[in-house]
Amino acid sequence: MKLKDKKVGIVAAHWNPSVTDKLFKGALDAFKKNEINEKQIEIVRCPGAFEIPSAAQMLLPKVAGIVTIGAVIRGETPHFEYISEAVSHGIMQLNIKYNKPLTFGVLTTNTAEQAAERSDRDSSFGNKGAEAALSLIKMIELKAQLS
């Protein structure tokens, strides 16, 4: 199934732009390679990862599904655990509540180097933004098959 008649969303955090901008570009590139044009893509940028679920909830009525993009990098305080848990639970709750797929392109890494590796298309880890976009396409197709 091609997604010619579907709109998709990307909600991307501004925080950690050296990582999130690459993840965002990876998601856009993956959509384009799968024949999803710019007019089909709704883009929302929010301040940080914590705001992703709220921004996604605002966008959900307009799209078939959303790729979420962010980067939470461990620091010296428990902030990492609180944000990572809140974001992952928030995104999962939206999946269930609205019966629309939201894929998890939010990196939760121990170091900035790990985040950089996972946002670089040429690393052995690949670009996790592109992976999240491909997962969204598959989930939208799966929902259509099961409907």
Protein backbone atom coordinates (compact mmCIF):
# COMPACT_ATOMS: atom_id res chain seq x y z
CA MET A 1 0.00 0.00 0.00
CA LYS A 2 1.27 3.42 -0.86
CA LEU A 3 0.49 6.29 1.45
CA LYS A 4 -0.52 8.71 -1.32
CA ASP A 5 -3.73 9.73 0.44
CA LYS A 6 -2.31 9.88 3.98
CA LYS A 7 -0.69 12.65 5.95
CA VAL A 8 2.09 11.83 8.37
CA GLY A 9 3.63 13.93 11.11
CA ILE A 10 7.03 14.57 12.55
CA VAL A 11 7.30 16.03 16.03
CA ALA A 12 10.92 16.95 16.70
CA ALA A 13 12.52 18.55 19.72
CA HIS A 14 14.87 21.50 19.29
CA TRP A 15 17.00 20.51 22.29
CA ASN A 16 20.30 18.82 21.33
CA PRO A 17 20.10 20.14 17.74
CA SER A 18 23.39 18.55 16.64
CA VAL A 19 21.58 15.23 17.08
CA THR A 20 17.89 16.01 16.57
CA ASP A 21 18.43 17.89 13.30
CA LYS A 22 20.15 14.81 11.82
CA LEU A 23 17.39 12.51 13.09
CA PHE A 24 14.80 14.88 11.59
CA LYS A 25 16.58 14.91 8.23
CA GLY A 26 16.83 11.11 8.32
CA ALA A 27 13.07 10.83 8.84
CA LEU A 28 12.35 13.26 5.99
CA ASP A 29 14.71 11.40 3.66
CA ALA A 30 13.10 8.06 4.51
CA PHE A 31 9.63 9.44 3.78
CA LYS A 32 10.78 10.85 0.44
CA LYS A 33 12.41 7.55 -0.54
CA ASN A 34 9.05 5.90 0.13
CA GLU A 35 7.12 8.32 -2.10
CA ILE A 36 5.70 10.50 0.65
CA ASN A 37 5.93 14.05 -0.59
CA GLU A 38 6.42 17.26 1.39
CA LYS A 39 2.72 18.17 1.18
CA GLN A 40 1.89 14.97 3.06
CA ILE A 41 4.23 15.75 5.96
CA GLU A 42 3.11 17.93 8.87
CA ILE A 43 6.08 19.17 10.90
CA VAL A 44 5.98 20.41 14.48
CA ARG A 45 9.07 21.51 16.38
CA CYS A 46 8.86 21.70 20.17
CA PRO A 47 11.37 22.92 22.78
CA GLY A 48 12.56 19.59 24.18
CA ALA A 49 11.84 15.90 24.55
CA PHE A 50 9.50 16.43 27.51
CA GLU A 51 7.15 18.45 25.28
CA ILE A 52 6.98 15.81 22.52
CA PRO A 53 3.85 14.00 23.81
CA SER A 54 1.92 17.25 24.19
CA ALA A 55 2.91 18.49 20.73
CA ALA A 56 2.08 15.09 19.24
CA GLN A 57 -1.36 15.11 20.84
CA MET A 58 -2.07 18.48 19.21
CA LEU A 59 -1.01 17.15 15.80
CA LEU A 60 -2.69 13.70 15.94
CA PRO A 61 -6.12 14.77 14.62
CA LYS A 62 -4.49 15.92 11.35
CA VAL A 63 -2.36 12.85 10.53
CA ALA A 64 -2.39 9.04 10.21
CA GLY A 65 0.64 8.73 12.49
CA ILE A 66 3.66 10.54 13.88
CA VAL A 67 7.40 10.04 14.09
CA THR A 68 8.72 11.45 17.35
CA ILE A 69 12.28 12.82 17.33
CA GLY A 70 14.39 13.83 20.30
CA ALA A 71 17.56 13.15 22.24
CA VAL A 72 17.91 12.72 25.99
CA ILE A 73 21.51 12.31 27.06
CA ARG A 74 22.43 11.13 30.57
CA GLY A 75 23.95 13.71 32.84
CA GLU A 76 24.99 13.84 36.48
CA THR A 77 21.47 14.16 37.93
CA PRO A 78 18.33 11.97 37.85
CA HIS A 79 16.83 14.33 35.23
CA PHE A 80 17.62 11.78 32.48
CA GLU A 81 15.46 9.08 34.09
CA TYR A 82 12.52 11.40 34.72
CA ILE A 83 12.48 12.80 31.18
CA SER A 84 13.09 9.46 29.43
CA GLU A 85 10.32 7.76 31.38
CA ALA A 86 7.83 10.60 30.94
CA VAL A 87 8.42 10.84 27.19
CA SER A 88 8.22 7.09 26.54
CA HIS A 89 5.07 6.69 28.63
CA GLY A 90 3.48 9.76 27.05
CA ILE A 91 4.10 8.51 23.54
CA MET A 92 2.79 5.01 24.36
CA GLN A 93 -0.36 6.45 25.96
CA LEU A 94 -1.08 8.43 22.80
CA ASN A 95 -0.66 5.28 20.67
CA ILE A 96 -3.26 3.49 22.73
CA LYS A 97 -5.68 6.37 23.38
CA TYR A 98 -5.93 7.50 19.76
CA ASN A 99 -5.34 4.14 18.04
CA LYS A 100 -2.82 5.82 15.77
CA PRO A 101 0.83 4.87 15.49
CA LEU A 102 3.53 7.05 16.98
CA THR A 103 7.03 5.72 16.51
CA PHE A 104 9.87 6.31 18.93
CA GLY A 105 12.75 8.21 17.38
CA VAL A 106 13.78 9.62 20.75
CA LEU A 107 17.33 8.67 21.61
CA THR A 108 18.06 7.93 25.25
CA THR A 109 21.81 7.54 25.47
CA ASN A 110 24.52 7.56 28.11
CA THR A 111 26.83 9.87 26.14
CA ALA A 112 26.75 12.52 23.45
CA GLU A 113 29.00 10.24 21.37
CA GLN A 114 26.37 7.48 21.43
CA ALA A 115 23.70 9.97 20.35
CA ALA A 116 25.92 11.19 17.51
CA GLU A 117 26.50 7.61 16.31
CA ARG A 118 22.77 6.90 16.24
CA SER A 119 21.95 10.04 14.29
CA ASP A 120 24.62 9.52 11.62
CA ARG A 121 23.45 7.68 8.52
CA ASP A 122 26.94 6.34 7.86
CA SER A 123 27.60 4.76 11.26
CA SER A 124 27.06 1.08 12.01
CA PHE A 125 24.01 2.09 14.05
CA GLY A 126 22.37 4.00 11.18
CA ASN A 127 20.05 6.96 11.53
CA LYS A 128 17.35 6.22 14.10
CA GLY A 129 15.14 8.99 12.69
CA ALA A 130 15.03 7.17 9.35
CA GLU A 131 14.28 3.90 11.16
CA ALA A 132 11.41 5.53 13.04
CA ALA A 133 9.94 6.87 9.77
CA LEU A 134 10.13 3.42 8.15
CA SER A 135 8.46 1.90 11.21
CA LEU A 136 5.68 4.47 10.96
CA ILE A 137 5.03 3.57 7.33
CA LYS A 138 4.82 -0.12 8.27
CA MET A 139 2.48 0.59 11.19
CA ILE A 140 0.14 2.71 9.07
CA GLU A 141 0.07 -0.11 6.49
CA LEU A 142 -0.58 -2.68 9.24
CA LYS A 143 -3.47 -0.64 10.61
CA ALA A 144 -4.99 -0.43 7.12
CA GLN A 145 -4.65 -4.22 6.67
CA LEU A 146 -6.32 -4.92 10.00
CA SER A 147 -9.15 -2.43 9.52
